[in-house]
Amino acid sequence: MVTFFTSRGRHAKAVEIGGRLLESPSVNLVQVDEELFRTGWEYLQQRPDKRYSLTDSVSFVLMQRLGIVEALAFDAHFRQAGFQILPGATPDSL
């Protein structure tokens, strides 16, 4: 979310959303350790036909491990990887 907004020149919105996520009791912050990083790297390498980022790939691996099937995402990558995009998720709805 933060990257989405900063990449579109919306720094203040990125900081707002990031702060809300960090303070939310509903959000579980997961540190990426070496094993998760390497598994995400392998995931990325095995999909040369996709334009996934390494961050996407690590996210997909973690979501699969945790049994998460829905994503708050604004691009098709999560859907391509087999996840459901939350209904009504748009940048303007945040």
N, C-alpha and C. Protein backbone atom coordinates (compact mmCIF):
# COMPACT_ATOMS: atom_id res chain seq x y z
N MET A 1 0.82 -1.18 0.00
CA MET A 1 0.00 0.00 0.00
C MET A 1 0.88 1.26 0.00
N VAL A 2 1.87 1.25 0.87
CA VAL A 2 2.75 2.42 0.95
C VAL A 2 3.48 2.61 -0.38
N THR A 3 4.01 1.54 -0.93
CA THR A 3 4.71 1.62 -2.21
C THR A 3 3.78 2.08 -3.32
N PHE A 4 2.56 1.59 -3.31
CA PHE A 4 1.59 1.99 -4.33
C PHE A 4 1.44 3.51 -4.36
N PHE A 5 1.22 4.10 -3.19
CA PHE A 5 1.00 5.54 -3.14
C PHE A 5 2.28 6.34 -3.39
N THR A 6 3.42 5.90 -2.86
CA THR A 6 4.65 6.66 -3.10
C THR A 6 5.04 6.61 -4.56
N SER A 7 4.80 5.49 -5.22
CA SER A 7 5.16 5.37 -6.63
C SER A 7 4.30 6.25 -7.53
N ARG A 8 3.21 6.75 -6.97
CA ARG A 8 2.33 7.64 -7.73
C ARG A 8 2.41 9.09 -7.23
N GLY A 9 3.47 9.39 -6.49
CA GLY A 9 3.70 10.75 -6.05
C GLY A 9 2.77 11.21 -4.93
N ARG A 10 2.21 10.28 -4.20
CA ARG A 10 1.28 10.64 -3.13
C ARG A 10 1.89 10.29 -1.77
N HIS A 11 2.99 10.98 -1.46
CA HIS A 11 3.75 10.69 -0.24
C HIS A 11 2.91 10.84 1.02
N ALA A 12 2.15 11.91 1.14
CA ALA A 12 1.34 12.12 2.35
C ALA A 12 0.34 10.99 2.55
N LYS A 13 -0.28 10.54 1.47
CA LYS A 13 -1.24 9.43 1.57
C LYS A 13 -0.52 8.15 1.97
N ALA A 14 0.68 7.92 1.43
CA ALA A 14 1.47 6.74 1.77
C ALA A 14 1.78 6.72 3.27
N VAL A 15 2.20 7.87 3.80
CA VAL A 15 2.52 7.97 5.22
C VAL A 15 1.27 7.77 6.07
N GLU A 16 0.16 8.34 5.64
CA GLU A 16 -1.09 8.16 6.37
C GLU A 16 -1.49 6.69 6.44
N ILE A 17 -1.51 6.04 5.28
CA ILE A 17 -1.90 4.63 5.22
C ILE A 17 -0.92 3.77 6.01
N GLY A 18 0.37 4.02 5.83
CA GLY A 18 1.38 3.25 6.57
C GLY A 18 1.20 3.38 8.07
N GLY A 19 0.96 4.58 8.53
CA GLY A 19 0.73 4.79 9.96
C GLY A 19 -0.50 4.06 10.47
N ARG A 20 -1.57 4.12 9.68
CA ARG A 20 -2.80 3.42 10.07
C ARG A 20 -2.58 1.92 10.13
N LEU A 21 -1.84 1.38 9.17
CA LEU A 21 -1.57 -0.06 9.17
C LEU A 21 -0.72 -0.46 10.37
N LEU A 22 0.32 0.31 10.65
CA LEU A 22 1.21 -0.01 11.77
C LEU A 22 0.50 0.05 13.12
N GLU A 23 -0.49 0.92 13.24
CA GLU A 23 -1.21 1.09 14.50
C GLU A 23 -2.43 0.18 14.63
N SER A 24 -2.83 -0.45 13.56
CA SER A 24 -4.05 -1.25 13.58
C SER A 24 -3.87 -2.55 14.36
N PRO A 25 -4.79 -2.84 15.27
CA PRO A 25 -4.72 -4.13 15.98
C PRO A 25 -5.07 -5.31 15.06
N SER A 26 -5.61 -5.02 13.89
CA SER A 26 -5.97 -6.07 12.93
C SER A 26 -4.81 -6.48 12.03
N VAL A 27 -3.71 -5.74 12.09
CA VAL A 27 -2.57 -6.00 11.20
C VAL A 27 -1.48 -6.71 11.98
N ASN A 28 -1.01 -7.81 11.41
CA ASN A 28 0.10 -8.57 11.99
C ASN A 28 1.34 -8.31 11.16
N LEU A 29 2.31 -7.62 11.73
CA LEU A 29 3.55 -7.30 11.03
C LEU A 29 4.47 -8.52 11.07
N VAL A 30 4.88 -8.99 9.89
CA VAL A 30 5.72 -10.17 9.79
C VAL A 30 7.09 -9.76 9.25
N GLN A 31 8.13 -10.10 9.97
CA GLN A 31 9.49 -9.84 9.51
C GLN A 31 9.88 -10.89 8.47
N VAL A 32 10.52 -10.45 7.41
CA VAL A 32 10.97 -11.37 6.38
C VAL A 32 12.35 -11.88 6.78
N ASP A 33 12.40 -13.16 7.14
CA ASP A 33 13.68 -13.76 7.48
C ASP A 33 14.33 -14.35 6.23
N GLU A 34 15.52 -14.87 6.37
CA GLU A 34 16.25 -15.37 5.21
C GLU A 34 15.51 -16.50 4.51
N GLU A 35 14.91 -17.40 5.28
CA GLU A 35 14.20 -18.54 4.68
C GLU A 35 13.01 -18.07 3.85
N LEU A 36 12.22 -17.14 4.38
CA LEU A 36 11.07 -16.62 3.63
C LEU A 36 11.54 -15.87 2.39
N PHE A 37 12.59 -15.06 2.54
CA PHE A 37 13.14 -14.34 1.41
C PHE A 37 13.57 -15.30 0.30
N ARG A 38 14.31 -16.34 0.65
CA ARG A 38 14.79 -17.30 -0.36
C ARG A 38 13.65 -18.07 -1.02
N THR A 39 12.63 -18.40 -0.25
CA THR A 39 11.47 -19.09 -0.83
C THR A 39 10.74 -18.16 -1.79
N GLY A 40 10.62 -16.89 -1.43
CA GLY A 40 10.02 -15.91 -2.34
C GLY A 40 10.85 -15.75 -3.60
N TRP A 41 12.17 -15.76 -3.45
CA TRP A 41 13.08 -15.66 -4.59
C TRP A 41 12.89 -16.85 -5.53
N GLU A 42 12.76 -18.05 -4.96
CA GLU A 42 12.52 -19.25 -5.77
C GLU A 42 11.18 -19.15 -6.49
N TYR A 43 10.16 -18.66 -5.80
CA TYR A 43 8.84 -18.48 -6.40
C TYR A 43 8.95 -17.58 -7.62
N LEU A 44 9.66 -16.47 -7.47
CA LEU A 44 9.84 -15.53 -8.57
C LEU A 44 10.57 -16.18 -9.75
N GLN A 45 11.63 -16.91 -9.47
CA GLN A 45 12.42 -17.54 -10.52
C GLN A 45 11.61 -18.57 -11.32
N GLN A 46 10.65 -19.20 -10.66
CA GLN A 46 9.87 -20.26 -11.30
C GLN A 46 8.72 -19.72 -12.16
N ARG A 47 8.60 -18.41 -12.24
CA ARG A 47 7.50 -17.81 -13.01
C ARG A 47 8.02 -16.75 -13.98
N PRO A 48 8.81 -17.17 -14.97
CA PRO A 48 9.39 -16.19 -15.90
C PRO A 48 8.35 -15.51 -16.79
N ASP A 49 7.16 -16.09 -16.87
CA ASP A 49 6.11 -15.52 -17.71
C ASP A 49 5.33 -14.41 -17.00
N LYS A 50 5.61 -14.18 -15.71
CA LYS A 50 4.89 -13.17 -14.94
C LYS A 50 5.80 -11.98 -14.67
N ARG A 51 5.19 -10.84 -14.39
CA ARG A 51 5.94 -9.63 -14.07
C ARG A 51 5.85 -9.32 -12.58
N TYR A 52 5.88 -10.38 -11.77
CA TYR A 52 5.81 -10.22 -10.33
C TYR A 52 7.08 -9.56 -9.82
N SER A 53 6.93 -8.74 -8.79
CA SER A 53 8.10 -8.20 -8.09
C SER A 53 8.53 -9.23 -7.04
N LEU A 54 9.71 -9.03 -6.51
CA LEU A 54 10.17 -9.90 -5.42
C LEU A 54 9.26 -9.71 -4.20
N THR A 55 8.82 -8.49 -3.96
CA THR A 55 7.89 -8.23 -2.86
C THR A 55 6.59 -8.98 -3.06
N ASP A 56 6.06 -8.97 -4.28
CA ASP A 56 4.85 -9.75 -4.58
C ASP A 56 5.11 -11.22 -4.26
N SER A 57 6.21 -11.75 -4.75
CA SER A 57 6.52 -13.18 -4.59
C SER A 57 6.63 -13.57 -3.13
N VAL A 58 7.32 -12.77 -2.33
CA VAL A 58 7.42 -13.05 -0.89
C VAL A 58 6.03 -12.98 -0.26
N SER A 59 5.24 -12.01 -0.66
CA SER A 59 3.87 -11.89 -0.14
C SER A 59 3.05 -13.12 -0.47
N PHE A 60 3.15 -13.61 -1.71
CA PHE A 60 2.38 -14.78 -2.11
C PHE A 60 2.76 -15.99 -1.27
N VAL A 61 4.05 -16.20 -1.07
CA VAL A 61 4.52 -17.33 -0.27
C VAL A 61 3.98 -17.22 1.16
N LEU A 62 4.11 -16.05 1.75
CA LEU A 62 3.64 -15.85 3.12
C LEU A 62 2.13 -16.06 3.22
N MET A 63 1.39 -15.51 2.29
CA MET A 63 -0.06 -15.66 2.30
C MET A 63 -0.46 -17.13 2.19
N GLN A 64 0.23 -17.87 1.32
CA GLN A 64 -0.06 -19.30 1.19
C GLN A 64 0.20 -20.02 2.51
N ARG A 65 1.30 -19.71 3.15
CA ARG A 65 1.64 -20.34 4.43
C ARG A 65 0.61 -20.06 5.50
N LEU A 66 0.09 -18.84 5.51
CA LEU A 66 -0.86 -18.44 6.54
C LEU A 66 -2.31 -18.76 6.18
N GLY A 67 -2.52 -19.29 4.99
CA GLY A 67 -3.88 -19.63 4.56
C GLY A 67 -4.72 -18.42 4.20
N ILE A 68 -4.07 -17.33 3.83
CA ILE A 68 -4.79 -16.11 3.44
C ILE A 68 -5.19 -16.23 1.98
N VAL A 69 -6.47 -15.99 1.69
CA VAL A 69 -6.95 -16.14 0.32
C VAL A 69 -7.40 -14.82 -0.31
N GLU A 70 -7.57 -13.77 0.52
CA GLU A 70 -8.01 -12.47 0.01
C GLU A 70 -6.90 -11.45 0.18
N ALA A 71 -6.83 -10.53 -0.78
CA ALA A 71 -5.80 -9.50 -0.75
C ALA A 71 -6.40 -8.13 -1.02
N LEU A 72 -5.87 -7.13 -0.32
CA LEU A 72 -6.18 -5.75 -0.64
C LEU A 72 -5.10 -5.32 -1.61
N ALA A 73 -5.42 -5.36 -2.89
CA ALA A 73 -4.43 -5.10 -3.93
C ALA A 73 -5.10 -4.37 -5.08
N PHE A 74 -4.28 -3.60 -5.81
CA PHE A 74 -4.81 -2.81 -6.91
C PHE A 74 -4.28 -3.26 -8.27
N ASP A 75 -3.57 -4.36 -8.32
CA ASP A 75 -3.08 -4.85 -9.61
C ASP A 75 -3.50 -6.31 -9.78
N ALA A 76 -3.28 -6.81 -10.96
CA ALA A 76 -3.74 -8.17 -11.29
C ALA A 76 -2.84 -9.27 -10.77
N HIS A 77 -1.66 -8.93 -10.24
CA HIS A 77 -0.71 -9.96 -9.83
C HIS A 77 -1.26 -10.90 -8.76
N PHE A 78 -1.96 -10.36 -7.79
CA PHE A 78 -2.50 -11.21 -6.74
C PHE A 78 -3.57 -12.15 -7.30
N ARG A 79 -4.39 -11.64 -8.19
CA ARG A 79 -5.39 -12.49 -8.83
C ARG A 79 -4.72 -13.56 -9.69
N GLN A 80 -3.67 -13.17 -10.44
CA GLN A 80 -2.92 -14.14 -11.25
C GLN A 80 -2.32 -15.25 -10.39
N ALA A 81 -1.94 -14.92 -9.17
CA ALA A 81 -1.32 -15.89 -8.27
C ALA A 81 -2.35 -16.73 -7.53
N GLY A 82 -3.64 -16.48 -7.81
CA GLY A 82 -4.68 -17.33 -7.24
C GLY A 82 -5.40 -16.76 -6.04
N PHE A 83 -5.19 -15.50 -5.72
CA PHE A 83 -5.84 -14.87 -4.58
C PHE A 83 -7.06 -14.08 -5.04
N GLN A 84 -7.99 -13.88 -4.13
CA GLN A 84 -9.17 -13.06 -4.41
C GLN A 84 -8.86 -11.63 -4.01
N ILE A 85 -9.23 -10.70 -4.85
CA ILE A 85 -9.08 -9.28 -4.53
C ILE A 85 -10.32 -8.85 -3.75
N LEU A 86 -10.12 -8.15 -2.65
CA LEU A 86 -11.26 -7.71 -1.85
C LEU A 86 -12.20 -6.85 -2.68
N PRO A 87 -13.48 -7.11 -2.62
CA PRO A 87 -14.44 -6.32 -3.40
C PRO A 87 -14.39 -4.85 -3.01
N GLY A 88 -14.46 -4.01 -4.01
CA GLY A 88 -14.52 -2.58 -3.78
C GLY A 88 -13.19 -1.95 -3.41
N ALA A 89 -12.11 -2.70 -3.48
CA ALA A 89 -10.79 -2.14 -3.13
C ALA A 89 -10.31 -1.25 -4.26
N THR A 90 -10.27 0.03 -3.97
CA THR A 90 -9.74 1.00 -4.92
C THR A 90 -8.86 1.97 -4.14
N PRO A 91 -7.89 2.58 -4.78
CA PRO A 91 -7.06 3.55 -4.08
C PRO A 91 -7.86 4.68 -3.45
N ASP A 92 -8.95 5.08 -4.09
CA ASP A 92 -9.75 6.19 -3.57
C ASP A 92 -10.61 5.79 -2.37
N SER A 93 -10.78 4.48 -2.15
CA SER A 93 -11.60 4.04 -1.02
C SER A 93 -10.83 4.05 0.29
N LEU A 94 -9.54 4.35 0.23
CA LEU A 94 -8.72 4.34 1.46
C LEU A 94 -8.65 5.69 2.10
